[in-house]
Amino acid sequence: MKGAVKLLNHRGHTLCEYDTADQDTVNEAERIVREALANSAMLFDGTTREQIKADRVKLGEREEVLVVPPMAGGAA
């Protein structure tokens, strides 16, 4: 499955695409998500816009994950 992690920032967003068939891209996307969670960001499903709980982040189950850092209103 292919998907993307969008990290919102001051320029709009930074995109990290991944393909579950390519472990390197999955590792990079997971690193971004872990780092974002460590910095108190909130995660949302890019399709439904529903908040994703930190313990339920599975990249292979979502086409798009939006990462909203605290400075953009993503503080928990």
N, C-alpha and C. Protein backbone atom coordinates (compact mmCIF):
# COMPACT_ATOMS: atom_id res chain seq x y z
N MET A 1 0.84 -1.18 0.00
CA MET A 1 0.00 0.00 0.00
C MET A 1 0.88 1.24 0.00
N LYS A 2 0.48 2.21 -0.76
CA LYS A 2 1.19 3.48 -0.79
C LYS A 2 0.43 4.50 0.04
N GLY A 3 1.17 5.41 0.63
CA GLY A 3 0.54 6.43 1.45
C GLY A 3 1.50 7.59 1.65
N ALA A 4 1.09 8.52 2.50
CA ALA A 4 1.91 9.69 2.75
C ALA A 4 1.68 10.20 4.16
N VAL A 5 2.73 10.79 4.70
CA VAL A 5 2.66 11.51 5.97
C VAL A 5 2.88 12.98 5.62
N LYS A 6 1.92 13.83 5.99
CA LYS A 6 2.03 15.26 5.75
C LYS A 6 2.27 15.95 7.08
N LEU A 7 3.39 16.61 7.18
CA LEU A 7 3.75 17.36 8.37
C LEU A 7 3.46 18.84 8.10
N LEU A 8 2.45 19.38 8.77
CA LEU A 8 2.11 20.78 8.57
C LEU A 8 3.22 21.66 9.12
N ASN A 9 3.53 22.72 8.40
CA ASN A 9 4.58 23.65 8.82
C ASN A 9 4.28 25.05 8.28
N HIS A 10 5.18 25.96 8.49
CA HIS A 10 4.96 27.35 8.12
C HIS A 10 4.87 27.57 6.60
N ARG A 11 5.30 26.63 5.80
CA ARG A 11 5.23 26.75 4.34
C ARG A 11 4.07 25.95 3.76
N GLY A 12 3.24 25.38 4.57
CA GLY A 12 2.15 24.54 4.10
C GLY A 12 2.30 23.15 4.71
N HIS A 13 3.08 22.30 4.04
CA HIS A 13 3.36 20.98 4.59
C HIS A 13 4.59 20.37 3.93
N THR A 14 5.18 19.43 4.62
CA THR A 14 6.26 18.62 4.09
C THR A 14 5.69 17.23 3.90
N LEU A 15 5.93 16.66 2.74
CA LEU A 15 5.35 15.37 2.39
C LEU A 15 6.40 14.27 2.44
N CYS A 16 6.05 13.18 3.10
CA CYS A 16 6.90 11.98 3.12
C CYS A 16 6.04 10.83 2.61
N GLU A 17 6.28 10.41 1.38
CA GLU A 17 5.53 9.30 0.81
C GLU A 17 6.17 7.99 1.19
N TYR A 18 5.36 6.96 1.34
CA TYR A 18 5.87 5.64 1.68
C TYR A 18 5.14 4.58 0.87
N ASP A 19 5.77 3.45 0.78
CA ASP A 19 5.19 2.28 0.11
C ASP A 19 5.52 1.09 1.00
N THR A 20 4.51 0.37 1.44
CA THR A 20 4.75 -0.73 2.38
C THR A 20 5.61 -1.83 1.77
N ALA A 21 5.81 -1.80 0.45
CA ALA A 21 6.70 -2.76 -0.20
C ALA A 21 8.16 -2.32 -0.09
N ASP A 22 8.40 -1.08 0.33
CA ASP A 22 9.76 -0.53 0.46
C ASP A 22 10.00 -0.15 1.92
N GLN A 23 10.69 -0.98 2.65
CA GLN A 23 10.88 -0.78 4.08
C GLN A 23 11.61 0.52 4.40
N ASP A 24 12.49 0.99 3.53
CA ASP A 24 13.20 2.25 3.80
C ASP A 24 12.23 3.43 3.87
N THR A 25 11.26 3.49 2.97
CA THR A 25 10.30 4.59 3.00
C THR A 25 9.38 4.48 4.21
N VAL A 26 9.04 3.26 4.59
CA VAL A 26 8.21 3.05 5.79
C VAL A 26 8.98 3.48 7.03
N ASN A 27 10.26 3.12 7.11
CA ASN A 27 11.08 3.51 8.26
C ASN A 27 11.16 5.02 8.40
N GLU A 28 11.32 5.73 7.29
CA GLU A 28 11.40 7.19 7.33
C GLU A 28 10.07 7.79 7.79
N ALA A 29 8.97 7.29 7.26
CA ALA A 29 7.64 7.79 7.65
C ALA A 29 7.38 7.51 9.13
N GLU A 30 7.75 6.32 9.60
CA GLU A 30 7.56 5.99 11.02
C GLU A 30 8.43 6.86 11.91
N ARG A 31 9.63 7.18 11.47
CA ARG A 31 10.52 8.06 12.23
C ARG A 31 9.88 9.45 12.39
N ILE A 32 9.31 9.95 11.32
CA ILE A 32 8.65 11.26 11.36
C ILE A 32 7.48 11.24 12.34
N VAL A 33 6.69 10.19 12.30
CA VAL A 33 5.54 10.07 13.20
C VAL A 33 6.01 9.97 14.65
N ARG A 34 7.01 9.14 14.92
CA ARG A 34 7.53 9.00 16.30
C ARG A 34 8.06 10.32 16.83
N GLU A 35 8.82 11.02 16.00
CA GLU A 35 9.39 12.30 16.40
C GLU A 35 8.29 13.33 16.66
N ALA A 36 7.28 13.33 15.82
CA ALA A 36 6.16 14.26 16.00
C ALA A 36 5.43 13.98 17.31
N LEU A 37 5.17 12.71 17.59
CA LEU A 37 4.49 12.36 18.83
C LEU A 37 5.34 12.72 20.05
N ALA A 38 6.64 12.55 19.95
CA ALA A 38 7.53 12.92 21.05
C ALA A 38 7.51 14.43 21.31
N ASN A 39 7.16 15.19 20.27
CA ASN A 39 7.08 16.65 20.39
C ASN A 39 5.64 17.14 20.59
N SER A 40 4.77 16.25 21.04
CA SER A 40 3.37 16.57 21.39
C SER A 40 2.50 16.97 20.21
N ALA A 41 2.82 16.51 19.03
CA ALA A 41 1.96 16.79 17.87
C ALA A 41 0.72 15.89 17.93
N MET A 42 -0.29 16.27 17.16
CA MET A 42 -1.49 15.45 17.04
C MET A 42 -1.52 14.87 15.63
N LEU A 43 -2.10 13.68 15.50
CA LEU A 43 -2.18 13.01 14.21
C LEU A 43 -3.64 12.88 13.80
N PHE A 44 -3.88 13.02 12.49
CA PHE A 44 -5.22 12.91 11.94
C PHE A 44 -5.19 12.07 10.69
N ASP A 45 -6.28 11.35 10.42
CA ASP A 45 -6.42 10.62 9.18
C ASP A 45 -6.66 11.65 8.08
N GLY A 46 -5.90 11.58 7.02
CA GLY A 46 -6.02 12.57 5.95
C GLY A 46 -7.32 12.48 5.18
N THR A 47 -7.98 11.35 5.20
CA THR A 47 -9.23 11.17 4.48
C THR A 47 -10.43 11.56 5.33
N THR A 48 -10.51 11.01 6.52
CA THR A 48 -11.68 11.24 7.38
C THR A 48 -11.52 12.46 8.29
N ARG A 49 -10.29 12.92 8.47
CA ARG A 49 -9.96 14.03 9.37
C ARG A 49 -10.17 13.68 10.83
N GLU A 50 -10.33 12.40 11.14
CA GLU A 50 -10.49 11.97 12.53
C GLU A 50 -9.12 11.90 13.19
N GLN A 51 -9.08 12.24 14.47
CA GLN A 51 -7.82 12.16 15.21
C GLN A 51 -7.41 10.71 15.36
N ILE A 52 -6.12 10.47 15.23
CA ILE A 52 -5.55 9.13 15.40
C ILE A 52 -4.87 9.09 16.76
N LYS A 53 -5.22 8.14 17.56
CA LYS A 53 -4.57 7.98 18.87
C LYS A 53 -3.16 7.46 18.64
N ALA A 54 -2.24 7.89 19.48
CA ALA A 54 -0.83 7.55 19.32
C ALA A 54 -0.58 6.04 19.29
N ASP A 55 -1.37 5.28 20.02
CA ASP A 55 -1.16 3.84 20.05
C ASP A 55 -1.83 3.11 18.88
N ARG A 56 -2.46 3.85 18.00
CA ARG A 56 -3.17 3.23 16.88
C ARG A 56 -2.65 3.68 15.53
N VAL A 57 -1.42 4.14 15.46
CA VAL A 57 -0.84 4.59 14.21
C VAL A 57 -0.28 3.39 13.47
N LYS A 58 -0.94 3.02 12.38
CA LYS A 58 -0.46 1.94 11.52
C LYS A 58 -0.47 2.47 10.10
N LEU A 59 0.71 2.74 9.57
CA LEU A 59 0.79 3.38 8.26
C LEU A 59 0.15 2.56 7.16
N GLY A 60 0.22 1.25 7.23
CA GLY A 60 -0.35 0.41 6.19
C GLY A 60 -1.87 0.42 6.13
N GLU A 61 -2.51 1.03 7.13
CA GLU A 61 -3.97 1.09 7.18
C GLU A 61 -4.53 2.43 6.73
N ARG A 62 -3.68 3.39 6.45
CA ARG A 62 -4.15 4.74 6.09
C ARG A 62 -3.43 5.25 4.86
N GLU A 63 -4.18 5.94 4.00
CA GLU A 63 -3.56 6.53 2.82
C GLU A 63 -2.75 7.77 3.17
N GLU A 64 -3.24 8.51 4.16
CA GLU A 64 -2.58 9.76 4.50
C GLU A 64 -2.71 10.03 5.98
N VAL A 65 -1.61 10.43 6.59
CA VAL A 65 -1.59 10.82 8.00
C VAL A 65 -1.16 12.28 8.04
N LEU A 66 -1.96 13.11 8.67
CA LEU A 66 -1.62 14.52 8.86
C LEU A 66 -1.01 14.69 10.24
N VAL A 67 0.13 15.37 10.30
CA VAL A 67 0.80 15.65 11.56
C VAL A 67 0.66 17.14 11.83
N VAL A 68 0.00 17.47 12.94
CA VAL A 68 -0.21 18.87 13.31
C VAL A 68 0.60 19.17 14.56
N PRO A 69 1.70 19.94 14.39
CA PRO A 69 2.54 20.25 15.56
C PRO A 69 1.83 21.22 16.50
N PRO A 70 2.31 21.29 17.75
CA PRO A 70 1.67 22.17 18.75
C PRO A 70 1.55 23.62 18.30
N MET A 71 2.56 24.14 17.63
CA MET A 71 2.52 25.54 17.21
C MET A 71 1.44 25.82 16.17
N ALA A 72 0.93 24.76 15.53
CA ALA A 72 -0.15 24.91 14.54
C ALA A 72 -1.49 24.50 15.12
N GLY A 73 -1.56 24.39 16.44
CA GLY A 73 -2.81 24.05 17.09
C GLY A 73 -2.97 22.57 17.38
N GLY A 74 -1.87 21.82 17.30
CA GLY A 74 -1.96 20.39 17.50
C GLY A 74 -1.62 19.92 18.89
N ALA A 75 -1.55 20.82 19.85
CA ALA A 75 -1.21 20.41 21.21
C ALA A 75 -2.37 19.64 21.82
N ALA A 76 -2.02 18.58 22.52
CA ALA A 76 -3.05 17.73 23.15
C ALA A 76 -3.59 18.34 24.42
